[in-house]
């Protein structure tokens, strides 16, 4: 699905609000902290458990990365108006 310029700009503004939301960022940080604790508590041979935790950590980073990309894309669209 191709987004209009205005949709890209609106998405970027929404993403910027999320990135600046203290509660949202705290929640993501808590997820990361929980993952690190879970990792420390896994048995050394628990490959599947550690991989699942790693995927959660990657998910948190993917959300932050997607939000940054939306902000960047909106900035590009605003400059090209």
PDB file of N, CA and C in Angstrom:
ATOM      1  N   UNK A   1       0.834  -1.175   0.000  1.00  0.00           N
ATOM      2  CA  UNK A   1       0.000   0.000   0.000  1.00  0.00           C
ATOM      3  C   UNK A   1       0.878   1.237   0.000  1.00  0.00           C
ATOM      4  N   UNK A   2       0.646   2.106  -0.933  1.00  0.00           N
ATOM      5  CA  UNK A   2       1.399   3.345  -1.024  1.00  0.00           C
ATOM      6  C   UNK A   2       0.678   4.437  -0.254  1.00  0.00           C
ATOM      7  N   UNK A   3       1.415   5.123   0.583  1.00  0.00           N
ATOM      8  CA  UNK A   3       0.831   6.194   1.388  1.00  0.00           C
ATOM      9  C   UNK A   3       0.987   7.521   0.675  1.00  0.00           C
ATOM     10  N   UNK A   4       0.028   8.395   0.894  1.00  0.00           N
ATOM     11  CA  UNK A   4       0.132   9.749   0.362  1.00  0.00           C
ATOM     12  C   UNK A   4       1.167  10.511   1.185  1.00  0.00           C
ATOM     13  N   UNK A   5       1.601  11.634   0.655  1.00  0.00           N
ATOM     14  CA  UNK A   5       2.554  12.455   1.400  1.00  0.00           C
ATOM     15  C   UNK A   5       1.986  12.851   2.751  1.00  0.00           C
ATOM     16  N   UNK A   6       0.696  13.205   2.760  1.00  0.00           N
ATOM     17  CA  UNK A   6       0.083  13.631   4.015  1.00  0.00           C
ATOM     18  C   UNK A   6       0.030  12.485   5.020  1.00  0.00           C
ATOM     19  N   UNK A   7      -0.220  11.269   4.553  1.00  0.00           N
ATOM     20  CA  UNK A   7      -0.231  10.117   5.457  1.00  0.00           C
ATOM     21  C   UNK A   7       1.153   9.872   6.052  1.00  0.00           C
ATOM     22  N   UNK A   8       2.194  10.025   5.225  1.00  0.00           N
ATOM     23  CA  UNK A   8       3.570   9.851   5.710  1.00  0.00           C
ATOM     24  C   UNK A   8       3.883  10.905   6.766  1.00  0.00           C
ATOM     25  N   UNK A   9       3.454  12.146   6.511  1.00  0.00           N
ATOM     26  CA  UNK A   9       3.689  13.238   7.461  1.00  0.00           C
ATOM     27  C   UNK A   9       2.915  12.990   8.752  1.00  0.00           C
ATOM     28  N   UNK A  10       1.651  12.591   8.622  1.00  0.00           N
ATOM     29  CA  UNK A  10       0.836  12.305   9.811  1.00  0.00           C
ATOM     30  C   UNK A  10       1.432  11.159  10.623  1.00  0.00           C
ATOM     31  N   UNK A  11       1.874  10.106   9.938  1.00  0.00           N
ATOM     32  CA  UNK A  11       2.505   8.976  10.625  1.00  0.00           C
ATOM     33  C   UNK A  11       3.768   9.427  11.358  1.00  0.00           C
ATOM     34  N   UNK A  12       4.540  10.285  10.720  1.00  0.00           N
ATOM     35  CA  UNK A  12       5.766  10.794  11.331  1.00  0.00           C
ATOM     36  C   UNK A  12       5.485  11.609  12.577  1.00  0.00           C
ATOM     37  N   UNK A  13       4.451  12.418  12.517  1.00  0.00           N
ATOM     38  CA  UNK A  13       4.085  13.222  13.694  1.00  0.00           C
ATOM     39  C   UNK A  13       3.608  12.328  14.836  1.00  0.00           C
ATOM     40  N   UNK A  14       2.829  11.306  14.492  1.00  0.00           N
ATOM     41  CA  UNK A  14       2.358  10.369  15.510  1.00  0.00           C
ATOM     42  C   UNK A  14       3.538   9.603  16.114  1.00  0.00           C
ATOM     43  N   UNK A  15       4.455   9.167  15.254  1.00  0.00           N
ATOM     44  CA  UNK A  15       5.641   8.445  15.726  1.00  0.00           C
ATOM     45  C   UNK A  15       6.479   9.334  16.635  1.00  0.00           C
ATOM     46  N   UNK A  16       6.583  10.604  16.281  1.00  0.00           N
ATOM     47  CA  UNK A  16       7.359  11.537  17.100  1.00  0.00           C
ATOM     48  C   UNK A  16       6.716  11.709  18.480  1.00  0.00           C
ATOM     49  N   UNK A  17       5.391  11.762  18.516  1.00  0.00           N
ATOM     50  CA  UNK A  17       4.699  11.851  19.805  1.00  0.00           C
ATOM     51  C   UNK A  17       4.968  10.604  20.645  1.00  0.00           C
ATOM     52  N   UNK A  18       4.916   9.435  20.010  1.00  0.00           N
ATOM     53  CA  UNK A  18       5.190   8.194  20.745  1.00  0.00           C
ATOM     54  C   UNK A  18       6.618   8.184  21.282  1.00  0.00           C
ATOM     55  N   UNK A  19       7.557   8.602  20.446  1.00  0.00           N
ATOM     56  CA  UNK A  19       8.959   8.604  20.869  1.00  0.00           C
ATOM     57  C   UNK A  19       9.195   9.550  22.044  1.00  0.00           C
ATOM     58  N   UNK A  20       8.370  10.582  22.139  1.00  0.00           N
ATOM     59  CA  UNK A  20       8.508  11.532  23.231  1.00  0.00           C
ATOM     60  C   UNK A  20       7.648  11.204  24.440  1.00  0.00           C
ATOM     61  N   UNK A  21       6.845  10.158  24.340  1.00  0.00           N
ATOM     62  CA  UNK A  21       5.945   9.784  25.430  1.00  0.00           C
ATOM     63  C   UNK A  21       6.724   9.028  26.504  1.00  0.00           C
ATOM     64  N   UNK A  22       6.778   9.609  27.682  1.00  0.00           N
ATOM     65  CA  UNK A  22       7.552   9.040  28.786  1.00  0.00           C
ATOM     66  C   UNK A  22       7.040   7.646  29.145  1.00  0.00           C
ATOM     67  N   UNK A  23       5.727   7.489  29.221  1.00  0.00           N
ATOM     68  CA  UNK A  23       5.161   6.191  29.606  1.00  0.00           C
ATOM     69  C   UNK A  23       5.456   5.116  28.571  1.00  0.00           C
ATOM     70  N   UNK A  24       5.349   5.473  27.298  1.00  0.00           N
ATOM     71  CA  UNK A  24       5.627   4.523  26.223  1.00  0.00           C
ATOM     72  C   UNK A  24       7.075   4.065  26.283  1.00  0.00           C
ATOM     73  N   UNK A  25       7.991   5.015  26.437  1.00  0.00           N
ATOM     74  CA  UNK A  25       9.417   4.674  26.504  1.00  0.00           C
ATOM     75  C   UNK A  25       9.742   3.876  27.757  1.00  0.00           C
ATOM     76  N   UNK A  26       9.090   4.202  28.861  1.00  0.00           N
ATOM     77  CA  UNK A  26       9.293   3.435  30.084  1.00  0.00           C
ATOM     78  C   UNK A  26       8.848   1.991  29.888  1.00  0.00           C
ATOM     79  N   UNK A  27       7.715   1.810  29.198  1.00  0.00           N
ATOM     80  CA  UNK A  27       7.212   0.464  28.944  1.00  0.00           C
ATOM     81  C   UNK A  27       8.211  -0.335  28.098  1.00  0.00           C
ATOM     82  N   UNK A  28       8.735   0.284  27.035  1.00  0.00           N
ATOM     83  CA  UNK A  28       9.722  -0.408  26.210  1.00  0.00           C
ATOM     84  C   UNK A  28      10.979  -0.741  27.018  1.00  0.00           C
ATOM     85  N   UNK A  29      11.411   0.203  27.843  1.00  0.00           N
ATOM     86  CA  UNK A  29      12.589  -0.044  28.681  1.00  0.00           C
ATOM     87  C   UNK A  29      12.329  -1.156  29.696  1.00  0.00           C
ATOM     88  N   UNK A  30      11.111  -1.217  30.231  1.00  0.00           N
ATOM     89  CA  UNK A  30      10.768  -2.289  31.169  1.00  0.00           C
ATOM     90  C   UNK A  30      10.784  -3.646  30.477  1.00  0.00           C
ATOM     91  N   UNK A  31      10.301  -3.682  29.240  1.00  0.00           N
ATOM     92  CA  UNK A  31      10.346  -4.941  28.479  1.00  0.00           C
ATOM     93  C   UNK A  31      11.796  -5.380  28.303  1.00  0.00           C
ATOM     94  N   UNK A  32      12.664  -4.432  27.926  1.00  0.00           N
ATOM     95  CA  UNK A  32      14.077  -4.763  27.765  1.00  0.00           C
ATOM     96  C   UNK A  32      14.685  -5.245  29.080  1.00  0.00           C
ATOM     97  N   UNK A  33      14.372  -4.554  30.166  1.00  0.00           N
ATOM     98  CA  UNK A  33      14.898  -4.943  31.463  1.00  0.00           C
ATOM     99  C   UNK A  33      14.431  -6.331  31.869  1.00  0.00           C
ATOM    100  N   UNK A  34      13.159  -6.610  31.625  1.00  0.00           N
ATOM    101  CA  UNK A  34      12.628  -7.939  31.924  1.00  0.00           C
ATOM    102  C   UNK A  34      13.338  -9.010  31.099  1.00  0.00           C
ATOM    103  N   UNK A  35      13.600  -8.690  29.846  1.00  0.00           N
ATOM    104  CA  UNK A  35      14.294  -9.653  28.980  1.00  0.00           C
ATOM    105  C   UNK A  35      15.694  -9.953  29.500  1.00  0.00           C
ATOM    106  N   UNK A  36      16.399  -8.913  29.922  1.00  0.00           N
ATOM    107  CA  UNK A  36      17.746  -9.125  30.448  1.00  0.00           C
ATOM    108  C   UNK A  36      17.704  -9.985  31.715  1.00  0.00           C
ATOM    109  N   UNK A  37      16.726  -9.728  32.571  1.00  0.00           N
ATOM    110  CA  UNK A  37      16.583 -10.534  33.780  1.00  0.00           C
ATOM    111  C   UNK A  37      16.248 -11.978  33.425  1.00  0.00           C
ATOM    112  N   UNK A  38      15.306 -12.166  32.504  1.00  0.00           N
ATOM    113  CA  UNK A  38      14.951 -13.520  32.075  1.00  0.00           C
ATOM    114  C   UNK A  38      16.162 -14.246  31.500  1.00  0.00           C
ATOM    115  N   UNK A  39      16.964 -13.523  30.725  1.00  0.00           N
ATOM    116  CA  UNK A  39      18.156 -14.110  30.131  1.00  0.00           C
ATOM    117  C   UNK A  39      19.108 -14.597  31.215  1.00  0.00           C
ATOM    118  N   UNK A  40      19.315 -13.775  32.229  1.00  0.00           N
ATOM    119  CA  UNK A  40      20.216 -14.148  33.323  1.00  0.00           C
ATOM    120  C   UNK A  40      19.719 -15.374  34.075  1.00  0.00           C
ATOM    121  N   UNK A  41      18.406 -15.561  34.093  1.00  0.00           N
ATOM    122  CA  UNK A  41      17.828 -16.676  34.839  1.00  0.00           C
ATOM    123  C   UNK A  41      17.725 -17.966  34.035  1.00  0.00           C
ATOM    124  N   UNK A  42      18.016 -17.900  32.731  1.00  0.00           N
ATOM    125  CA  UNK A  42      17.917 -19.119  31.926  1.00  0.00           C
ATOM    126  C   UNK A  42      19.091 -20.044  32.228  1.00  0.00           C
ATOM    127  N   UNK A  43      18.848 -21.319  32.032  1.00  0.00           N
ATOM    128  CA  UNK A  43      19.925 -22.296  32.155  1.00  0.00           C
ATOM    129  C   UNK A  43      20.863 -22.130  30.970  1.00  0.00           C
ATOM    130  N   UNK A  44      22.108 -22.461  31.180  1.00  0.00           N
ATOM    131  CA  UNK A  44      23.106 -22.279  30.135  1.00  0.00           C
ATOM    132  C   UNK A  44      22.764 -23.057  28.864  1.00  0.00           C
ATOM    133  N   UNK A  45      22.075 -24.160  28.990  1.00  0.00           N
ATOM    134  CA  UNK A  45      21.733 -24.970  27.824  1.00  0.00           C
ATOM    135  C   UNK A  45      20.373 -24.663  27.224  1.00  0.00           C
ATOM    136  N   UNK A  46      19.690 -23.640  27.734  1.00  0.00           N
ATOM    137  CA  UNK A  46      18.342 -23.305  27.262  1.00  0.00           C
ATOM    138  C   UNK A  46      18.414 -22.432  26.016  1.00  0.00           C
ATOM    139  N   UNK A  47      18.831 -23.030  24.931  1.00  0.00           N
ATOM    140  CA  UNK A  47      18.997 -22.300  23.671  1.00  0.00           C
ATOM    141  C   UNK A  47      17.675 -21.713  23.194  1.00  0.00           C
ATOM    142  N   UNK A  48      16.612 -22.492  23.238  1.00  0.00           N
ATOM    143  CA  UNK A  48      15.311 -22.010  22.768  1.00  0.00           C
ATOM    144  C   UNK A  48      14.810 -20.836  23.603  1.00  0.00           C
ATOM    145  N   UNK A  49      14.980 -20.941  24.907  1.00  0.00           N
ATOM    146  CA  UNK A  49      14.556 -19.856  25.788  1.00  0.00           C
ATOM    147  C   UNK A  49      15.328 -18.581  25.531  1.00  0.00           C
ATOM    148  N   UNK A  50      16.627 -18.721  25.346  1.00  0.00           N
ATOM    149  CA  UNK A  50      17.466 -17.545  25.086  1.00  0.00           C
ATOM    150  C   UNK A  50      17.159 -16.931  23.720  1.00  0.00           C
ATOM    151  N   UNK A  51      16.866 -17.772  22.751  1.00  0.00           N
ATOM    152  CA  UNK A  51      16.505 -17.242  21.429  1.00  0.00           C
ATOM    153  C   UNK A  51      15.186 -16.477  21.491  1.00  0.00           C
ATOM    154  N   UNK A  52      14.226 -16.976  22.269  1.00  0.00           N
ATOM    155  CA  UNK A  52      12.935 -16.290  22.415  1.00  0.00           C
ATOM    156  C   UNK A  52      13.136 -14.923  23.076  1.00  0.00           C
ATOM    157  N   UNK A  53      13.979 -14.875  24.085  1.00  0.00           N
ATOM    158  CA  UNK A  53      14.265 -13.611  24.764  1.00  0.00           C
ATOM    159  C   UNK A  53      14.958 -12.645  23.802  1.00  0.00           C
ATOM    160  N   UNK A  54      15.893 -13.155  23.040  1.00  0.00           N
ATOM    161  CA  UNK A  54      16.591 -12.328  22.057  1.00  0.00           C
ATOM    162  C   UNK A  54      15.606 -11.727  21.048  1.00  0.00           C
ATOM    163  N   UNK A  55      14.650 -12.518  20.619  1.00  0.00           N
ATOM    164  CA  UNK A  55      13.660 -12.034  19.655  1.00  0.00           C
ATOM    165  C   UNK A  55      12.798 -10.931  20.268  1.00  0.00           C
ATOM    166  N   UNK A  56      12.483 -11.035  21.555  1.00  0.00           N
ATOM    167  CA  UNK A  56      11.738  -9.959  22.223  1.00  0.00           C
ATOM    168  C   UNK A  56      12.557  -8.675  22.232  1.00  0.00           C
ATOM    169  N   UNK A  57      13.844  -8.807  22.546  1.00  0.00           N
ATOM    170  CA  UNK A  57      14.718  -7.633  22.545  1.00  0.00           C
ATOM    171  C   UNK A  57      14.790  -7.005  21.153  1.00  0.00           C
ATOM    172  N   UNK A  58      14.900  -7.841  20.149  1.00  0.00           N
ATOM    173  CA  UNK A  58      14.940  -7.340  18.765  1.00  0.00           C
ATOM    174  C   UNK A  58      13.620  -6.668  18.410  1.00  0.00           C
ATOM    175  N   UNK A  59      12.517  -7.179  18.940  1.00  0.00           N
ATOM    176  CA  UNK A  59      11.210  -6.584  18.686  1.00  0.00           C
ATOM    177  C   UNK A  59      11.112  -5.173  19.239  1.00  0.00           C
ATOM    178  N   UNK A  60      11.608  -4.981  20.456  1.00  0.00           N
ATOM    179  CA  UNK A  60      11.605  -3.646  21.052  1.00  0.00           C
ATOM    180  C   UNK A  60      12.431  -2.694  20.201  1.00  0.00           C
ATOM    181  N   UNK A  61      13.592  -3.133  19.779  1.00  0.00           N
ATOM    182  CA  UNK A  61      14.445  -2.278  18.952  1.00  0.00           C
ATOM    183  C   UNK A  61      13.808  -2.027  17.593  1.00  0.00           C
ATOM    184  N   UNK A  62      13.109  -3.018  17.053  1.00  0.00           N
ATOM    185  CA  UNK A  62      12.437  -2.841  15.760  1.00  0.00           C
ATOM    186  C   UNK A  62      11.345  -1.780  15.859  1.00  0.00           C
ATOM    187  N   UNK A  63      10.634  -1.739  16.981  1.00  0.00           N
ATOM    188  CA  UNK A  63       9.606  -0.705  17.171  1.00  0.00           C
ATOM    189  C   UNK A  63      10.256   0.669  17.183  1.00  0.00           C
ATOM    190  N   UNK A  64      11.318   0.808  17.943  1.00  0.00           N
ATOM    191  CA  UNK A  64      11.999   2.116  18.007  1.00  0.00           C
ATOM    192  C   UNK A  64      12.573   2.511  16.644  1.00  0.00           C
ATOM    193  N   UNK A  65      13.120   1.559  15.948  1.00  0.00           N
ATOM    194  CA  UNK A  65      13.685   1.825  14.627  1.00  0.00           C
ATOM    195  C   UNK A  65      12.593   2.246  13.638  1.00  0.00           C
ATOM    196  N   UNK A  66      11.448   1.585  13.692  1.00  0.00           N
ATOM    197  CA  UNK A  66      10.337   1.920  12.799  1.00  0.00           C
ATOM    198  C   UNK A  66       9.828   3.326  13.086  1.00  0.00           C
ATOM    199  N   UNK A  67       9.751   3.692  14.347  1.00  0.00           N
ATOM    200  CA  UNK A  67       9.302   5.039  14.695  1.00  0.00           C
ATOM    201  C   UNK A  67      10.280   6.092  14.192  1.00  0.00           C
ATOM    202  N   UNK A  68      11.573   5.829  14.357  1.00  0.00           N
ATOM    203  CA  UNK A  68      12.583   6.776  13.854  1.00  0.00           C
ATOM    204  C   UNK A  68      12.486   6.922  12.340  1.00  0.00           C
ATOM    205  N   UNK A  69      12.247   5.811  11.655  1.00  0.00           N
ATOM    206  CA  UNK A  69      12.117   5.855  10.193  1.00  0.00           C
ATOM    207  C   UNK A  69      10.893   6.673   9.783  1.00  0.00           C
ATOM    208  N   UNK A  70       9.796   6.535  10.522  1.00  0.00           N
ATOM    209  CA  UNK A  70       8.595   7.312  10.206  1.00  0.00           C
ATOM    210  C   UNK A  70       8.854   8.807  10.373  1.00  0.00           C
ATOM    211  N   UNK A  71       9.564   9.167  11.429  1.00  0.00           N
ATOM    212  CA  UNK A  71       9.906  10.575  11.658  1.00  0.00           C
ATOM    213  C   UNK A  71      10.805  11.077  10.537  1.00  0.00           C
ATOM    214  N   UNK A  72      11.791  10.300  10.171  1.00  0.00           N
ATOM    215  CA  UNK A  72      12.705  10.689   9.092  1.00  0.00           C
ATOM    216  C   UNK A  72      11.968  10.835   7.767  1.00  0.00           C
ATOM    217  N   UNK A  73      11.088   9.881   7.469  1.00  0.00           N
ATOM    218  CA  UNK A  73      10.329   9.945   6.216  1.00  0.00           C
ATOM    219  C   UNK A  73       9.424  11.167   6.175  1.00  0.00           C
ATOM    220  N   UNK A  74       8.815  11.493   7.305  1.00  0.00           N
ATOM    221  CA  UNK A  74       7.964  12.678   7.369  1.00  0.00           C
ATOM    222  C   UNK A  74       8.787  13.934   7.136  1.00  0.00           C
ATOM    223  N   UNK A  75       9.963  13.972   7.719  1.00  0.00           N
ATOM    224  CA  UNK A  75      10.847  15.134   7.551  1.00  0.00           C
ATOM    225  C   UNK A  75      11.209  15.316   6.083  1.00  0.00           C
ATOM    226  N   UNK A  76      11.475  14.227   5.406  1.00  0.00           N
ATOM    227  CA  UNK A  76      11.802  14.289   3.964  1.00  0.00           C
ATOM    228  C   UNK A  76      10.607  14.807   3.176  1.00  0.00           C
ATOM    229  N   UNK A  77       9.414  14.318   3.493  1.00  0.00           N
ATOM    230  CA  UNK A  77       8.212  14.746   2.787  1.00  0.00           C
ATOM    231  C   UNK A  77       7.925  16.232   3.023  1.00  0.00           C
ATOM    232  N   UNK A  78       8.139  16.687   4.253  1.00  0.00           N
ATOM    233  CA  UNK A  78       7.903  18.111   4.570  1.00  0.00           C
ATOM    234  C   UNK A  78       8.859  18.980   3.776  1.00  0.00           C
ATOM    235  N   UNK A  79      10.116  18.559   3.684  1.00  0.00           N
ATOM    236  CA  UNK A  79      11.110  19.348   2.953  1.00  0.00           C
ATOM    237  C   UNK A  79      10.851  19.363   1.449  1.00  0.00           C
ATOM    238  N   UNK A  80      10.174  18.340   0.941  1.00  0.00           N
ATOM    239  CA  UNK A  80       9.950  18.263  -0.504  1.00  0.00           C
ATOM    240  C   UNK A  80       8.662  18.956  -0.945  1.00  0.00           C
ATOM    241  N   UNK A  81       7.928  19.540   0.001  1.00  0.00           N
ATOM    242  CA  UNK A  81       6.669  20.244  -0.353  1.00  0.00           C
ATOM    243  C   UNK A  81       6.950  21.522  -1.081  1.00  0.00           C
TER     244      UNK A  81
END
